[in-house]
Structure formats: structure tokens, C-alpha cells
């Protein structure tokens, strides 16, 4: 069985960052890429990714069969929002596992929400996405985007066996396109892919991440 490296793994935090300074860009300005508003925030952060990430998303989409498109759900996530998500889910995990030590709660929580200090989304290098038709109808991939391990009975894992053949085929289609464009998947979340962040650097053997945490409020 292939080892699943969680974002809480010390090797992720130990990965150096050689920040490129590459800007965040708004994917909504690219008509060829469909951006879903379900995670929309007040300042539009959700629709932003690093410039090379956007270029690679378009490469991935071009590799899909005719009539199938990427549907981007969320890209950049401000650090404060990431912290809020992590703390909220950690509280759920803690209530479900009374008496479990803090380190184990952090590990369990990291299977679904990244610890803020290493979160791919705060670097602008990560994107949550799925597949859809040309008209925007989502294809079945086994679970909803952002389904928790609890509500999906583990079906959110990329290699989950408790999904039907159609969903499995669509996950494989998404995986081939995203991998060919240089992205890596977080294996506990089929929808989460990243490029240039610490997790990507660790999995690909790059000497350093290209992107560290970014603050959109800084000009």
C-alpha cells in the first residue's frame, strides 16, 4: 500500500520555500476556465491562484475529452480563514474522540483540513476542483467536493473503494489530466490538487517549494 503523507507530517513543515514572488491572478477573468461560486468570499480570494497554477489548469483542461471541463471550486484561502476551518474541524474531531491527545487530534484533523502553517491553499498553489460538462453540470466523482471523511465513510479519499465504477472512471480522468500538468493530489481529498507548495515539493523531490504563504492585502 502506498504511504499517505499527511500535511501534519514534520517533513512537510521542514521543506524549505524559495518564494518566486509570482502574483496571484483571478481565474474568473479567463473565460476558458469555469469557476463555481459556492466558496465565494467577500473579496474574491477563492477565485485566485498563482499565475503558473492557472496556466497549468488550462493545460489540464486541454487534456480532457471533448465536452468535459474543469470546474474550479476554491483556490487561494487567506490564512485567517484557513485557521478558522482547521480549528472548527479539530473541535469536531476532539468531540468525537474524547481523551485523545492533542497530537493525535492534529493528525486526524489534517486528513481533512491542512494545518494553517503548511496549508497549500494559503500559498495560492492549491485548488479544489471537479469535472463538469460544457454546460456546467457536475459529473459524478463519488462524493461532493469537500465531503468529510465521516459523512462520506472515507469515500473522499482519492483511492476509495466505496464508490461506483462511473465515479472511479471520472476520478481517474481528473487524475491523469492534473498529474500531466504537474499537479500533485492530497490523497485524502480527491478534489485537492497543488503545484509549487511545500507538499508538492516534498512529493516531487523538488529542492524547495516555489510558493509560501501570501497576503493579498500586500500590494
Protein backbone atom coordinates (compact mmCIF):
# COMPACT_ATOMS: atom_id res chain seq x y z
CA UNK A 1 0.00 0.00 0.00
CA UNK A 2 1.29 3.45 -0.94
CA UNK A 3 2.13 5.62 2.07
CA UNK A 4 -0.23 8.54 2.60
CA UNK A 5 1.74 11.56 3.74
CA UNK A 6 -0.48 13.91 5.72
CA UNK A 7 0.10 17.65 5.83
CA UNK A 8 0.82 17.32 9.55
CA UNK A 9 3.90 15.24 8.71
CA UNK A 10 7.03 17.05 10.00
CA UNK A 11 8.64 16.57 6.59
CA UNK A 12 6.15 19.00 5.08
CA UNK A 13 6.93 21.77 7.56
CA UNK A 14 10.66 21.08 7.14
CA UNK A 15 10.52 21.63 3.39
CA UNK A 16 12.20 24.97 2.53
CA UNK A 17 10.49 27.67 0.49
CA UNK A 18 12.22 29.62 -2.27
CA UNK A 19 9.47 32.15 -2.90
CA UNK A 20 9.22 33.23 -6.53
CA UNK A 21 7.05 36.28 -5.91
CA UNK A 22 4.73 35.09 -8.65
CA UNK A 23 1.44 37.02 -8.44
CA UNK A 24 -2.00 35.75 -7.64
CA UNK A 25 -4.36 36.07 -10.59
CA UNK A 26 -8.14 35.92 -10.83
CA UNK A 27 -9.30 32.81 -12.66
CA UNK A 28 -12.71 34.41 -13.27
CA UNK A 29 -11.05 36.61 -15.87
CA UNK A 30 -10.24 33.58 -18.01
CA UNK A 31 -13.42 32.57 -19.87
CA UNK A 32 -11.99 29.16 -20.78
CA UNK A 33 -11.99 28.09 -17.11
CA UNK A 34 -15.28 27.69 -15.26
CA UNK A 35 -15.23 28.95 -11.64
CA UNK A 36 -18.02 27.85 -9.30
CA UNK A 37 -19.19 30.44 -6.72
CA UNK A 38 -20.08 28.05 -3.88
CA UNK A 39 -16.99 29.05 -1.85
CA UNK A 40 -17.12 32.72 -2.82
CA UNK A 41 -15.88 35.18 -0.21
CA UNK A 42 -16.30 38.94 0.03
CA UNK A 43 -13.05 39.87 -1.74
CA UNK A 44 -12.95 37.06 -4.27
CA UNK A 45 -9.90 35.35 -2.78
CA UNK A 46 -11.39 31.93 -3.59
CA UNK A 47 -11.02 32.55 -7.34
CA UNK A 48 -7.31 33.44 -7.19
CA UNK A 49 -4.31 31.19 -7.81
CA UNK A 50 -0.69 31.78 -8.72
CA UNK A 51 -0.13 32.67 -12.37
CA UNK A 52 1.62 29.41 -13.28
CA UNK A 53 -1.04 27.39 -11.48
CA UNK A 54 -3.67 28.97 -13.72
CA UNK A 55 -1.60 28.20 -16.79
CA UNK A 56 -1.32 24.58 -15.71
CA UNK A 57 -5.05 24.34 -15.04
CA UNK A 58 -5.65 25.31 -18.63
CA UNK A 59 -3.17 22.65 -19.74
CA UNK A 60 -5.03 20.07 -17.67
CA UNK A 61 -8.36 21.12 -19.12
CA UNK A 62 -6.97 20.84 -22.66
CA UNK A 63 -6.08 17.21 -21.91
CA UNK A 64 -9.69 16.31 -21.06
CA UNK A 65 -12.04 14.70 -23.59
CA UNK A 66 -14.31 16.90 -25.69
CA UNK A 67 -17.30 18.08 -23.68
CA UNK A 68 -15.59 17.71 -20.28
CA UNK A 69 -14.23 20.71 -18.38
CA UNK A 70 -12.65 21.52 -15.06
CA UNK A 71 -14.88 23.21 -12.50
CA UNK A 72 -12.74 25.21 -10.07
CA UNK A 73 -14.28 25.49 -6.61
CA UNK A 74 -11.60 27.18 -4.49
CA UNK A 75 -8.06 28.41 -4.93
CA UNK A 76 -6.38 30.87 -2.56
CA UNK A 77 -7.55 30.86 1.03
CA UNK A 78 -6.50 33.68 3.40
CA UNK A 79 -4.50 32.38 6.40
CA UNK A 80 -7.13 33.56 8.89
CA UNK A 81 -9.84 31.61 7.07
CA UNK A 82 -7.63 28.51 6.93
CA UNK A 83 -7.09 28.74 10.70
CA UNK A 84 -10.82 29.06 11.25
CA UNK A 85 -11.53 25.96 9.12
CA UNK A 86 -8.85 23.91 10.86
CA UNK A 87 -9.87 24.88 14.39
CA UNK A 88 -13.54 24.21 13.67
CA UNK A 89 -12.89 20.73 12.28
CA UNK A 90 -10.39 19.93 15.04
CA UNK A 91 -13.13 20.72 17.57
CA UNK A 92 -15.41 18.19 15.83
CA UNK A 93 -12.68 15.57 15.88
CA UNK A 94 -11.96 16.26 19.54
CA UNK A 95 -15.62 15.83 20.49
CA UNK A 96 -15.76 12.53 18.58
CA UNK A 97 -12.55 11.29 20.22
CA UNK A 98 -12.63 12.23 23.91
CA UNK A 99 -9.41 11.62 25.78
CA UNK A 100 -7.25 11.55 22.65
CA UNK A 101 -4.02 13.55 22.88
CA UNK A 102 -3.62 16.87 21.09
CA UNK A 103 -1.00 15.50 18.68
CA UNK A 104 -3.36 12.74 17.52
CA UNK A 105 -6.24 15.23 17.14
CA UNK A 106 -4.00 17.33 14.93
CA UNK A 107 -3.09 14.28 12.84
CA UNK A 108 -6.70 13.21 12.44
CA UNK A 109 -7.78 16.75 11.56
CA UNK A 110 -5.02 17.03 8.96
CA UNK A 111 -6.59 14.21 6.98
CA UNK A 112 -9.28 16.69 6.01
CA UNK A 113 -8.11 20.26 6.75
CA UNK A 114 -4.50 21.40 6.40
CA UNK A 115 -2.72 22.88 9.42
CA UNK A 116 -2.56 26.64 8.73
CA UNK A 117 1.23 26.95 8.78
CA UNK A 118 1.71 24.47 5.91
CA UNK A 119 -1.65 24.73 4.13
CA UNK A 120 -1.29 24.61 0.34
CA UNK A 121 -4.28 26.93 -0.16
CA UNK A 122 -2.64 29.85 1.69
CA UNK A 123 0.23 29.73 -0.82
CA UNK A 124 -2.01 30.19 -3.84
CA UNK A 125 -0.65 26.93 -5.20
CA UNK A 126 -3.62 24.70 -4.40
CA UNK A 127 -7.00 24.31 -6.00
CA UNK A 128 -10.13 22.33 -5.17
CA UNK A 129 -11.94 21.27 -8.31
CA UNK A 130 -14.10 18.71 -10.03
CA UNK A 131 -15.31 17.89 -13.54
CA UNK A 132 -18.36 19.18 -15.35
CA UNK A 133 -19.98 19.19 -18.77
CA UNK A 134 -19.54 22.08 -21.15
CA UNK A 135 -22.81 23.43 -19.77
CA UNK A 136 -21.59 23.29 -16.16
CA UNK A 137 -23.35 20.15 -14.93
CA UNK A 138 -21.08 18.35 -12.46
CA UNK A 139 -20.01 14.83 -13.28
CA UNK A 140 -20.28 12.15 -10.56
CA UNK A 141 -17.00 11.61 -8.70
CA UNK A 142 -18.30 9.62 -5.77
CA UNK A 143 -18.76 12.36 -3.17
CA UNK A 144 -19.38 16.07 -3.09
CA UNK A 145 -16.36 18.36 -3.13
CA UNK A 146 -15.31 18.97 0.49
CA UNK A 147 -17.17 15.93 1.84
CA UNK A 148 -15.75 14.99 5.23
CA UNK A 149 -14.38 11.51 5.96
CA UNK A 150 -17.24 10.99 8.41
CA UNK A 151 -20.11 11.88 6.10
CA UNK A 152 -18.62 10.05 3.11
CA UNK A 153 -17.49 6.96 5.06
CA UNK A 154 -14.00 7.57 3.69
CA UNK A 155 -15.24 8.00 0.12
CA UNK A 156 -13.46 11.35 -0.04
CA UNK A 157 -10.13 9.51 -0.29
CA UNK A 158 -8.88 9.53 -3.86
CA UNK A 159 -8.41 5.75 -3.91
CA UNK A 160 -11.64 4.96 -2.02
CA UNK A 161 -13.22 1.65 -2.96
CA UNK A 162 -16.75 2.51 -1.82
CA UNK A 163 -17.63 4.49 -4.96
CA UNK A 164 -19.18 3.19 -8.17
CA UNK A 165 -17.36 2.44 -11.42
CA UNK A 166 -18.55 5.63 -13.13
CA UNK A 167 -17.18 7.81 -10.34
CA UNK A 168 -13.92 5.87 -10.34
CA UNK A 169 -13.53 6.41 -14.09
CA UNK A 170 -14.11 10.15 -13.65
CA UNK A 171 -11.58 10.36 -10.81
CA UNK A 172 -9.02 8.61 -13.00
CA UNK A 173 -9.76 11.03 -15.81
CA UNK A 174 -9.24 14.00 -13.50
CA UNK A 175 -6.07 12.47 -12.05
CA UNK A 176 -4.48 11.86 -15.45
CA UNK A 177 -5.12 15.41 -16.62
CA UNK A 178 -3.94 17.09 -13.41
CA UNK A 179 -0.86 14.89 -13.00
CA UNK A 180 0.19 15.50 -16.60
CA UNK A 181 0.00 19.25 -15.92
CA UNK A 182 2.39 18.91 -12.96
CA UNK A 183 -0.02 18.88 -10.02
CA UNK A 184 0.02 16.51 -7.05
CA UNK A 185 -3.04 15.26 -5.21
CA UNK A 186 -3.68 15.17 -1.47
CA UNK A 187 -4.81 11.54 -1.28
CA UNK A 188 -7.42 12.03 1.44
CA UNK A 189 -9.29 14.52 -0.80
CA UNK A 190 -9.84 13.59 -4.46
CA UNK A 191 -10.66 17.21 -5.34
CA UNK A 192 -7.49 18.80 -3.88
CA UNK A 193 -4.52 19.38 -6.19
CA UNK A 194 -1.50 21.62 -5.82
CA UNK A 195 1.62 22.85 -7.54
CA UNK A 196 4.59 24.76 -6.14
CA UNK A 197 3.72 24.48 -2.44
CA UNK A 198 5.59 22.55 0.26
CA UNK A 199 3.51 19.40 -0.15
CA UNK A 200 4.18 19.41 -3.90
CA UNK A 201 7.91 19.90 -3.29
CA UNK A 202 8.05 17.00 -0.83
CA UNK A 203 6.19 14.59 -3.10
CA UNK A 204 8.09 15.51 -6.27
CA UNK A 205 11.54 15.74 -4.68
CA UNK A 206 11.97 19.41 -5.58
CA UNK A 207 14.72 21.11 -3.53
CA UNK A 208 12.28 23.76 -2.29
CA UNK A 209 8.72 24.95 -2.63
CA UNK A 210 8.13 27.78 -5.07
CA UNK A 211 5.30 29.36 -3.10
CA UNK A 212 4.96 30.24 0.57
CA UNK A 213 2.02 31.90 2.37
CA UNK A 214 0.84 35.01 0.60
CA UNK A 215 -1.08 38.06 1.78
CA UNK A 216 -3.42 39.53 -0.84
CA UNK A 217 -3.63 42.78 1.10
CA UNK A 218 0.04 43.46 0.40
CA UNK A 219 0.50 45.39 -2.87
